[in-house]
């Protein structure tokens, strides 16, 4: 499994269902409760703010994907260094739902779950049935190694929001990802090109690139939702963060706002002018990214895991670089430097875990400066811990990510409908993007299909709805 597989959470992959399907009925009704089974809670103190029972065993299950297992084993070693009497049971699987669904139903889940991958358990179903422990106590606890700060104080902006449902922090998304447009600094330097900051200049640059015998764009045609990211980002930079809030809250005609229409019209230009590498609609993520690394295309839309995922095929000196989406014009409410940044790679402590306190303490270990730096060193990915890259030698691409996030600053933005309603992005928007970027439909029909998808979620009484504050 590679890094992209971590993000491929297909709705068809045997998930825990939403409440209507009843697959979590044991959790919801109390059936399968542990009853007399031993639970672990120690005495809380300044040294032990979460009340960890020092000899309580801890079970950790992680997704066996692109990050591997060594980072988790290192965190576990840090935990046992503080609690040497605690025995940790570690396991990794690519089949999270298949492996853990029965344990959620009968009330015997692990203490820590890295709920990721293609068979990720649907968070909407888990949250609606109160199957996940509240992480609020973790946020209020003091940082393990940043004096004078709570855990919450050490987190990057948006880290708590993206894991919160109706104001309750339930999911720790550990990695911090920037989403943008990638290009090769080496190619641009050799050709004396400079990344365009406005849309008109971007279109002019695409013409120049095409004239040089290189396709301006490629994308993962088998996962076309990747192209929804720059399109939505363009709309948010034009109209402001309220564009994202409306989409997240399933507001009527949110996908048909003036900002979304303008953005869709702009992106349709690269389709009409044939600026996309021929055959891209038939490529998967690895094939499109490899074609880009081979210099067949100049631009690709992706998150900041791209460099790690492509390290085996990236030519020496390629110097992949991330950049924000170009501004549509001087009327944009957010500056060119504004870029989408968000937390990802979700972890949770099940509400019926035997060692909830230990699970929260494990998260506190992950969120220590030491734990975060070790993760970045091992997997070349940022975490949600602020300042954790200090003293860490980063690869070229990740350095550009840090630089872009710093330049974006308080203008950074994100959307969370993808967390609330996975089916909307992974099925409905994905399908609409496939039709749009292959040229089979135009902007109006694309937005209409997206809006119909959102409306179908809004009207489905079996799906719990969440409200994101403006």
Protein backbone atom coordinates (compact mmCIF):
# COMPACT_ATOMS: atom_id res chain seq x y z
CA UNK A 1 0.00 0.00 0.00
CA UNK A 2 1.31 3.49 -0.83
CA UNK A 3 0.63 6.92 0.59
CA UNK A 4 -2.34 7.53 -1.69
CA UNK A 5 -4.00 4.37 -0.46
CA UNK A 6 -4.15 6.04 2.92
CA UNK A 7 -6.50 8.58 1.43
CA UNK A 8 -8.52 6.26 -0.78
CA UNK A 9 -11.52 5.62 1.43
CA UNK A 10 -13.94 4.19 -1.06
CA UNK A 11 -17.51 4.13 0.12
CA UNK A 12 -17.87 0.69 -1.43
CA UNK A 13 -15.24 -0.93 0.76
CA UNK A 14 -17.26 -2.67 3.46
CA UNK A 15 -17.54 0.19 5.92
CA UNK A 16 -19.41 0.36 9.13
CA UNK A 17 -22.75 1.65 8.04
CA UNK A 18 -24.65 4.72 9.10
CA UNK A 19 -27.26 4.19 11.84
CA UNK A 20 -29.93 2.96 9.47
CA UNK A 21 -27.95 -0.15 8.66
CA UNK A 22 -27.66 -1.06 12.32
CA UNK A 23 -24.16 -2.52 12.12
CA UNK A 24 -23.21 -0.63 15.26
CA UNK A 25 -26.36 -1.50 17.12
CA UNK A 26 -24.38 -3.20 19.84
CA UNK A 27 -22.63 0.06 20.58
CA UNK A 28 -25.76 2.11 20.34
CA UNK A 29 -27.99 -0.01 22.52
CA UNK A 30 -25.50 -1.35 25.01
CA UNK A 31 -25.65 -4.85 23.58
CA UNK A 32 -22.25 -6.50 23.70
CA UNK A 33 -21.12 -4.25 26.57
CA UNK A 34 -18.03 -5.43 28.42
CA UNK A 35 -20.09 -5.84 31.58
CA UNK A 36 -17.73 -7.15 34.26
CA UNK A 37 -14.65 -6.96 32.06
CA UNK A 38 -11.83 -5.03 33.70
CA UNK A 39 -11.35 -1.38 32.79
CA UNK A 40 -8.35 0.70 33.68
CA UNK A 41 -8.25 4.08 35.39
CA UNK A 42 -5.53 5.36 37.68
CA UNK A 43 -5.37 8.33 40.03
CA UNK A 44 -5.04 11.73 38.40
CA UNK A 45 -2.23 14.03 39.49
CA UNK A 46 0.00 16.79 38.15
CA UNK A 47 2.38 14.12 36.84
CA UNK A 48 -0.46 11.94 35.60
CA UNK A 49 -3.18 14.37 34.44
CA UNK A 50 -5.15 11.77 32.50
CA UNK A 51 -5.20 9.18 35.26
CA UNK A 52 -3.24 6.43 33.52
CA UNK A 53 -3.02 3.14 35.43
CA UNK A 54 0.69 2.47 35.21
CA UNK A 55 0.46 -1.30 34.68
CA UNK A 56 -2.62 -1.29 32.43
CA UNK A 57 -2.08 -2.98 29.07
CA UNK A 58 -2.64 -0.94 25.93
CA UNK A 59 -3.73 -2.21 22.52
CA UNK A 60 -2.82 -0.18 19.43
CA UNK A 61 -4.08 -1.01 15.93
CA UNK A 62 -2.75 1.04 13.03
CA UNK A 63 -3.43 1.09 9.33
CA UNK A 64 -0.67 -0.79 7.51
CA UNK A 65 -0.20 1.70 4.71
CA UNK A 66 2.40 4.04 3.28
CA UNK A 67 3.65 5.29 6.64
CA UNK A 68 4.68 1.80 7.70
CA UNK A 69 4.81 0.69 11.33
CA UNK A 70 8.10 2.04 12.68
CA UNK A 71 6.67 5.42 13.66
CA UNK A 72 4.01 3.73 15.80
CA UNK A 73 6.52 1.40 17.40
CA UNK A 74 8.62 4.44 18.31
CA UNK A 75 5.62 6.12 19.95
CA UNK A 76 4.87 2.92 21.82
CA UNK A 77 8.45 2.80 23.08
CA UNK A 78 8.08 6.38 24.34
CA UNK A 79 4.90 5.37 26.16
CA UNK A 80 6.51 2.36 27.85
CA UNK A 81 9.51 4.48 28.81
CA UNK A 82 7.13 6.44 31.02
CA UNK A 83 5.00 3.42 31.99
CA UNK A 84 7.43 0.47 31.97
CA UNK A 85 4.90 -1.87 33.60
CA UNK A 86 2.43 -1.41 30.74
CA UNK A 87 2.41 -4.11 28.11
CA UNK A 88 1.53 -2.88 24.63
CA UNK A 89 -0.09 -5.09 22.02
CA UNK A 90 0.66 -3.72 18.56
CA UNK A 91 -0.86 -4.79 15.25
CA UNK A 92 -1.24 -3.37 11.76
CA UNK A 93 -3.87 -4.15 9.14
CA UNK A 94 -5.03 -2.87 5.78
CA UNK A 95 -8.56 -4.08 6.58
CA UNK A 96 -9.58 -1.79 9.44
CA UNK A 97 -13.33 -2.23 9.01
CA UNK A 98 -13.23 -5.98 8.43
CA UNK A 99 -10.89 -6.51 11.38
CA UNK A 100 -12.44 -4.15 13.92
CA UNK A 101 -16.14 -3.94 13.03
CA UNK A 102 -17.01 -7.11 15.00
CA UNK A 103 -15.10 -5.79 18.01
CA UNK A 104 -16.99 -2.50 18.00
CA UNK A 105 -20.26 -4.40 17.82
CA UNK A 106 -19.47 -6.71 20.74
CA UNK A 107 -17.98 -3.91 22.85
CA UNK A 108 -14.32 -5.03 22.86
CA UNK A 109 -12.50 -2.52 20.62
CA UNK A 110 -8.78 -1.73 20.93
CA UNK A 111 -7.62 1.29 22.92
CA UNK A 112 -6.12 3.18 19.97
CA UNK A 113 -7.21 2.89 16.32
CA UNK A 114 -5.61 4.49 13.29
CA UNK A 115 -8.85 4.50 11.29
CA UNK A 116 -7.50 4.96 7.77
CA UNK A 117 -7.21 3.25 4.40
CA UNK A 118 -9.62 1.97 1.80
CA UNK A 119 -11.63 0.03 4.39
CA UNK A 120 -11.76 2.81 6.94
CA UNK A 121 -14.73 2.66 9.30
CA UNK A 122 -17.24 5.37 8.45
CA UNK A 123 -16.86 8.14 11.01
CA UNK A 124 -20.43 9.34 10.53
CA UNK A 125 -21.72 5.99 11.75
CA UNK A 126 -19.28 5.87 14.66
CA UNK A 127 -20.01 9.41 15.79
CA UNK A 128 -23.78 9.10 15.48
CA UNK A 129 -23.71 6.05 17.74
CA UNK A 130 -21.37 7.55 20.36
CA UNK A 131 -18.70 4.96 19.67
CA UNK A 132 -15.73 7.35 19.98
CA UNK A 133 -14.31 8.81 23.21
CA UNK A 134 -14.30 12.59 23.75
CA UNK A 135 -10.75 13.93 23.42
CA UNK A 136 -11.45 17.20 25.23
CA UNK A 137 -9.54 16.07 28.32
CA UNK A 138 -6.50 15.44 26.13
CA UNK A 139 -6.57 18.99 24.78
CA UNK A 140 -6.66 20.42 28.29
CA UNK A 141 -3.77 18.28 29.54
CA UNK A 142 -0.28 19.81 29.73
CA UNK A 143 2.09 19.08 26.85
CA UNK A 144 4.61 16.38 27.64
CA UNK A 145 7.61 18.46 26.62
CA UNK A 146 6.54 22.05 25.88
CA UNK A 147 6.53 23.76 29.28
CA UNK A 148 3.64 26.04 30.12
CA UNK A 149 1.43 24.89 27.26
CA UNK A 150 -1.51 22.55 27.05
CA UNK A 151 -1.70 19.98 24.27
CA UNK A 152 -4.20 22.22 22.47
CA UNK A 153 -1.76 25.15 22.63
CA UNK A 154 0.80 23.17 20.65
CA UNK A 155 -1.46 22.31 17.69
CA UNK A 156 -1.55 24.00 14.30
CA UNK A 157 -4.68 25.94 13.24
CA UNK A 158 -7.56 23.74 12.13
CA UNK A 159 -6.27 20.56 13.76
CA UNK A 160 -9.08 20.51 16.31
CA UNK A 161 -11.80 21.75 13.95
CA UNK A 162 -11.30 19.01 11.38
CA UNK A 163 -11.70 16.31 14.04
CA UNK A 164 -14.70 17.89 15.78
CA UNK A 165 -18.34 16.98 15.36
CA UNK A 166 -20.94 19.42 16.67
CA UNK A 167 -18.24 21.06 18.73
CA UNK A 168 -16.88 17.88 20.36
CA UNK A 169 -13.30 16.86 19.55
CA UNK A 170 -13.43 13.15 18.74
CA UNK A 171 -10.81 12.40 16.08
CA UNK A 172 -7.10 13.16 16.21
CA UNK A 173 -5.94 13.80 12.66
CA UNK A 174 -2.21 13.53 13.15
CA UNK A 175 -0.60 14.62 9.90
CA UNK A 176 -0.77 18.14 8.51
CA UNK A 177 -1.21 18.35 4.78
CA UNK A 178 -1.03 21.23 2.35
CA UNK A 179 -2.95 20.90 -0.90
CA UNK A 180 -1.80 22.82 -3.94
CA UNK A 181 -0.43 22.73 -7.46
CA UNK A 182 2.94 21.02 -7.90
CA UNK A 183 5.65 21.69 -10.46
CA UNK A 184 9.33 20.89 -10.97
CA UNK A 185 11.58 23.79 -9.99
CA UNK A 186 14.29 22.28 -12.17
CA UNK A 187 12.04 22.28 -15.26
CA UNK A 188 10.88 25.84 -14.65
CA UNK A 189 14.41 27.10 -14.08
CA UNK A 190 15.72 25.42 -17.23
CA UNK A 191 12.84 26.82 -19.30
CA UNK A 192 13.03 30.22 -17.60
CA UNK A 193 9.40 29.94 -16.55
CA UNK A 194 8.02 31.53 -13.41
CA UNK A 195 4.94 30.14 -11.69
CA UNK A 196 1.94 32.29 -12.60
CA UNK A 197 0.10 34.01 -9.74
CA UNK A 198 -3.04 35.03 -11.64
CA UNK A 199 -5.42 32.89 -13.67
CA UNK A 200 -4.93 34.86 -16.89
CA UNK A 201 -1.18 34.42 -16.54
CA UNK A 202 -1.66 30.74 -15.79
CA UNK A 203 -3.60 30.22 -19.02
CA UNK A 204 -0.91 32.12 -20.93
CA UNK A 205 1.73 29.95 -19.31
CA UNK A 206 -0.17 26.79 -20.22
CA UNK A 207 -0.09 27.91 -23.87
CA UNK A 208 3.65 28.46 -23.59
CA UNK A 209 4.19 25.04 -22.00
CA UNK A 210 2.09 23.30 -24.64
CA UNK A 211 4.02 25.04 -27.39
CA UNK A 212 7.20 23.60 -25.86
CA UNK A 213 5.85 20.08 -26.41
CA UNK A 214 4.87 19.43 -22.80
CA UNK A 215 1.33 18.92 -21.54
CA UNK A 216 0.51 21.65 -19.04
CA UNK A 217 -1.59 19.35 -16.81
CA UNK A 218 -2.21 15.75 -15.85
CA UNK A 219 -4.39 14.27 -13.13
CA UNK A 220 -5.52 11.00 -11.62
CA UNK A 221 -8.36 10.27 -13.98
CA UNK A 222 -9.46 7.21 -12.01
CA UNK A 223 -9.74 9.45 -8.92
CA UNK A 224 -10.80 12.72 -10.53
CA UNK A 225 -11.89 14.31 -7.24
CA UNK A 226 -8.25 15.41 -6.88
CA UNK A 227 -9.09 18.12 -9.39
CA UNK A 228 -12.00 19.29 -7.22
CA UNK A 229 -9.43 20.49 -4.70
CA UNK A 230 -7.90 23.32 -6.78
CA UNK A 231 -11.30 24.20 -8.23
CA UNK A 232 -12.90 24.64 -4.79
CA UNK A 233 -9.76 26.41 -3.54
CA UNK A 234 -10.05 28.89 -6.41
CA UNK A 235 -13.67 29.59 -5.45
CA UNK A 236 -12.82 30.09 -1.76
CA UNK A 237 -10.00 32.49 -2.58
CA UNK A 238 -12.46 34.45 -4.73
CA UNK A 239 -15.45 34.48 -2.37
CA UNK A 240 -13.90 33.88 1.04
CA UNK A 241 -14.19 31.05 3.59
CA UNK A 242 -18.02 31.30 3.62
CA UNK A 243 -17.95 29.43 0.30
CA UNK A 244 -16.56 26.39 2.13
CA UNK A 245 -18.89 26.77 5.11
CA UNK A 246 -21.93 26.71 2.86
CA UNK A 247 -20.75 23.51 1.17
CA UNK A 248 -19.89 21.90 4.51
CA UNK A 249 -23.34 22.70 5.90
CA UNK A 250 -25.15 21.33 2.83
CA UNK A 251 -26.80 24.69 2.21
CA UNK A 252 -29.14 24.87 -0.79
CA UNK A 253 -27.28 25.85 -3.98
CA UNK A 254 -23.93 26.11 -2.17
CA UNK A 255 -22.26 24.42 -5.14
CA UNK A 256 -23.90 26.93 -7.48
CA UNK A 257 -22.70 30.10 -5.78
CA UNK A 258 -21.26 32.87 -7.93
CA UNK A 259 -17.77 31.99 -6.70
CA UNK A 260 -18.16 28.31 -7.60
CA UNK A 261 -19.56 29.19 -11.03
CA UNK A 262 -16.68 31.55 -11.75
CA UNK A 263 -14.12 28.98 -10.61
CA UNK A 264 -15.71 26.19 -12.66
CA UNK A 265 -15.74 28.40 -15.74
CA UNK A 266 -12.05 29.15 -15.23
CA UNK A 267 -11.00 25.52 -14.82
CA UNK A 268 -13.06 24.51 -17.82
CA UNK A 269 -10.56 26.52 -19.88
CA UNK A 270 -7.83 23.91 -19.40
CA UNK A 271 -10.25 21.27 -20.68
CA UNK A 272 -11.44 23.26 -23.70
CA UNK A 273 -7.92 24.27 -24.72
CA UNK A 274 -6.66 20.69 -24.39
CA UNK A 275 -4.10 21.56 -21.75
CA UNK A 276 -4.43 18.10 -20.16
CA UNK A 277 -2.08 15.23 -21.03
CA UNK A 278 -3.79 12.90 -23.47
CA UNK A 279 -4.96 9.73 -21.76
CA UNK A 280 -5.12 11.27 -18.28
CA UNK A 281 -8.76 10.21 -17.70
CA UNK A 282 -7.55 6.58 -17.77
CA UNK A 283 -4.64 7.02 -15.36
CA UNK A 284 -4.58 6.19 -11.67
CA UNK A 285 -2.78 8.37 -9.13
CA UNK A 286 0.59 6.63 -9.45
CA UNK A 287 0.52 6.63 -13.25
CA UNK A 288 -0.36 10.32 -13.49
CA UNK A 289 2.20 11.29 -10.86
CA UNK A 290 4.87 9.21 -12.59
CA UNK A 291 4.08 10.83 -15.95
CA UNK A 292 4.49 14.19 -14.22
CA UNK A 293 7.82 13.13 -12.69
CA UNK A 294 8.94 12.05 -16.17
CA UNK A 295 8.34 15.57 -17.47
CA UNK A 296 5.34 14.70 -19.61
CA UNK A 297 3.23 17.33 -17.80
CA UNK A 298 4.11 20.51 -15.93
CA UNK A 299 1.39 20.65 -13.25
CA UNK A 300 -0.44 18.21 -11.01
CA UNK A 301 -2.87 18.68 -8.11
CA UNK A 302 -1.97 16.79 -4.96
CA UNK A 303 -1.36 16.94 -1.23
CA UNK A 304 1.99 17.15 0.49
CA UNK A 305 2.39 13.36 0.70
CA UNK A 306 3.30 13.48 -3.02
CA UNK A 307 7.07 13.67 -2.52
CA UNK A 308 7.18 10.67 -0.20
CA UNK A 309 4.93 8.64 -2.46
CA UNK A 310 7.02 9.36 -5.57
CA UNK A 311 10.48 9.10 -4.03
CA UNK A 312 11.33 5.87 -5.87
CA UNK A 313 10.73 7.33 -9.34
CA UNK A 314 11.56 11.02 -8.94
CA UNK A 315 14.66 12.01 -10.93
CA UNK A 316 17.58 13.52 -9.04
CA UNK A 317 17.34 17.28 -8.85
CA UNK A 318 13.66 17.32 -9.88
CA UNK A 319 12.93 19.60 -6.89
CA UNK A 320 9.17 19.24 -6.73
CA UNK A 321 7.56 22.41 -5.42
CA UNK A 322 4.10 23.20 -4.11
CA UNK A 323 2.31 26.46 -4.93
CA UNK A 324 -1.14 27.95 -4.19
CA UNK A 325 -3.81 28.11 -6.86
CA UNK A 326 -3.55 31.26 -8.99
CA UNK A 327 -5.79 34.19 -8.06
CA UNK A 328 -8.75 34.83 -10.32
CA UNK A 329 -8.21 38.56 -10.04
CA UNK A 330 -7.86 41.60 -7.82
CA UNK A 331 -11.33 40.98 -6.44
CA UNK A 332 -10.31 37.80 -4.61
CA UNK A 333 -11.05 38.00 -0.88
CA UNK A 334 -7.98 35.91 -0.04
CA UNK A 335 -4.47 36.67 -1.30
CA UNK A 336 -2.55 34.54 -3.76
CA UNK A 337 -0.48 33.06 -0.91
CA UNK A 338 -3.56 31.57 0.80
CA UNK A 339 -3.35 27.78 0.60
CA UNK A 340 -5.45 24.90 1.85
CA UNK A 341 -3.98 23.24 4.91
CA UNK A 342 -5.66 20.54 6.91
CA UNK A 343 -5.05 17.75 9.35
CA UNK A 344 -5.37 14.15 8.16
CA UNK A 345 -4.57 10.54 9.03
CA UNK A 346 -7.25 9.95 11.70
CA UNK A 347 -6.76 8.27 15.07
CA UNK A 348 -9.43 7.59 17.67
CA UNK A 349 -9.94 6.08 21.12
CA UNK A 350 -13.11 3.96 21.11
CA UNK A 351 -15.61 4.92 23.81
CA UNK A 352 -15.71 1.30 25.01
CA UNK A 353 -11.98 0.76 25.03
CA UNK A 354 -10.76 -0.88 28.22
CA UNK A 355 -7.93 1.63 28.66
CA UNK A 356 -9.34 4.97 27.57
CA UNK A 357 -6.94 6.89 29.82
CA UNK A 358 -4.02 5.01 28.27
CA UNK A 359 -5.31 5.82 24.80
CA UNK A 360 -5.45 9.52 25.60
CA UNK A 361 -1.95 9.36 27.08
CA UNK A 362 -0.71 7.62 23.94
CA UNK A 363 -2.08 10.54 21.94
CA UNK A 364 -0.29 12.94 24.31
CA UNK A 365 2.91 11.06 23.50
CA UNK A 366 2.25 11.36 19.76
CA UNK A 367 1.63 15.09 20.20
CA UNK A 368 4.81 15.74 22.14
CA UNK A 369 7.53 17.65 20.31
CA UNK A 370 9.72 14.54 20.49
CA UNK A 371 6.99 12.26 19.15
CA UNK A 372 6.15 14.60 16.28
CA UNK A 373 9.78 15.14 15.27
CA UNK A 374 10.42 11.41 15.25
CA UNK A 375 7.40 10.87 12.98
CA UNK A 376 8.58 13.52 10.51
CA UNK A 377 12.09 12.06 10.43
CA UNK A 378 10.76 8.56 9.74
CA UNK A 379 8.09 9.26 7.13
CA UNK A 380 8.88 12.74 5.75
CA UNK A 381 5.45 14.11 6.60
CA UNK A 382 4.41 17.04 8.74
CA UNK A 383 2.35 16.61 11.90
CA UNK A 384 -0.20 18.89 13.55
CA UNK A 385 2.33 19.86 16.24
CA UNK A 386 3.51 23.43 15.71
CA UNK A 387 7.26 23.93 15.43
CA UNK A 388 7.99 20.21 15.29
CA UNK A 389 10.11 20.54 12.16
CA UNK A 390 12.77 22.54 13.99
CA UNK A 391 16.04 20.67 13.85
CA UNK A 392 14.68 18.16 11.33
CA UNK A 393 16.32 17.95 7.90
CA UNK A 394 13.45 18.02 5.42
CA UNK A 395 13.46 16.90 1.79
CA UNK A 396 13.16 19.60 -0.87
CA UNK A 397 9.43 19.29 -1.49
CA UNK A 398 8.51 19.32 2.18
CA UNK A 399 10.62 22.45 2.67
CA UNK A 400 8.47 24.16 0.03
CA UNK A 401 5.35 23.00 1.91
CA UNK A 402 6.57 24.57 5.15
CA UNK A 403 7.44 27.76 3.25
CA UNK A 404 3.99 27.85 1.60
CA UNK A 405 2.16 27.32 4.91
CA UNK A 406 4.22 30.06 6.54
CA UNK A 407 3.41 32.46 3.69
CA UNK A 408 -0.28 31.56 3.88
CA UNK A 409 -0.38 32.16 7.63
CA UNK A 410 -3.78 33.21 8.95
CA UNK A 411 -5.18 33.21 5.38
CA UNK A 412 -5.12 29.41 5.24
CA UNK A 413 -8.44 27.70 4.62
CA UNK A 414 -10.05 24.28 4.52
CA UNK A 415 -13.36 22.47 4.09
CA UNK A 416 -14.68 19.55 6.11
CA UNK A 417 -17.59 18.12 4.13
CA UNK A 418 -15.23 15.33 3.16
CA UNK A 419 -15.02 14.34 6.85
CA UNK A 420 -18.72 14.72 7.57
CA UNK A 421 -20.07 13.03 4.46
CA UNK A 422 -17.52 10.80 2.78
CA UNK A 423 -19.92 9.56 0.14
CA UNK A 424 -20.40 13.10 -1.17
CA UNK A 425 -16.76 13.48 -2.21
CA UNK A 426 -15.74 9.88 -2.81
CA UNK A 427 -18.73 8.98 -4.98
CA UNK A 428 -20.81 11.92 -6.09
CA UNK A 429 -18.31 14.77 -6.55
CA UNK A 430 -15.77 12.26 -7.83
CA UNK A 431 -18.14 11.15 -10.58
CA UNK A 432 -18.98 14.73 -11.53
CA UNK A 433 -15.27 15.62 -11.75
CA UNK A 434 -14.70 12.62 -13.99
CA UNK A 435 -17.30 13.89 -16.44
CA UNK A 436 -16.15 17.51 -16.22
CA UNK A 437 -12.38 17.15 -16.62
CA UNK A 438 -12.73 14.58 -19.38
CA UNK A 439 -14.79 17.13 -21.31
CA UNK A 440 -18.06 15.21 -21.37
CA UNK A 441 -19.99 17.92 -19.50
CA UNK A 442 -19.60 21.66 -19.03
CA UNK A 443 -19.38 23.84 -15.88
CA UNK A 444 -23.12 24.28 -15.35
CA UNK A 445 -23.87 20.56 -15.51
CA UNK A 446 -20.83 19.80 -13.32
CA UNK A 447 -22.04 22.08 -10.54
CA UNK A 448 -25.59 20.79 -10.96
CA UNK A 449 -24.40 17.21 -10.42
CA UNK A 450 -22.41 18.23 -7.33
CA UNK A 451 -25.41 20.11 -5.91
CA UNK A 452 -27.74 17.17 -6.55
CA UNK A 453 -25.27 14.96 -4.70
CA UNK A 454 -25.21 17.34 -1.74
CA UNK A 455 -29.00 17.57 -1.75
CA UNK A 456 -29.31 13.78 -1.70
CA UNK A 457 -27.14 13.69 1.44
CA UNK A 458 -29.14 16.53 3.04
CA UNK A 459 -32.42 14.72 2.39
CA UNK A 460 -31.22 11.32 3.66
CA UNK A 461 -32.61 11.00 7.18
CA UNK A 462 -30.34 8.02 7.91
CA UNK A 463 -27.25 10.25 7.71
CA UNK A 464 -26.49 12.40 10.74
CA UNK A 465 -25.91 16.05 9.83
CA UNK A 466 -23.26 18.33 11.32
CA UNK A 467 -23.07 22.10 11.54
CA UNK A 468 -19.81 23.91 10.93
CA UNK A 469 -19.66 27.35 12.53
CA UNK A 470 -19.12 30.29 10.20
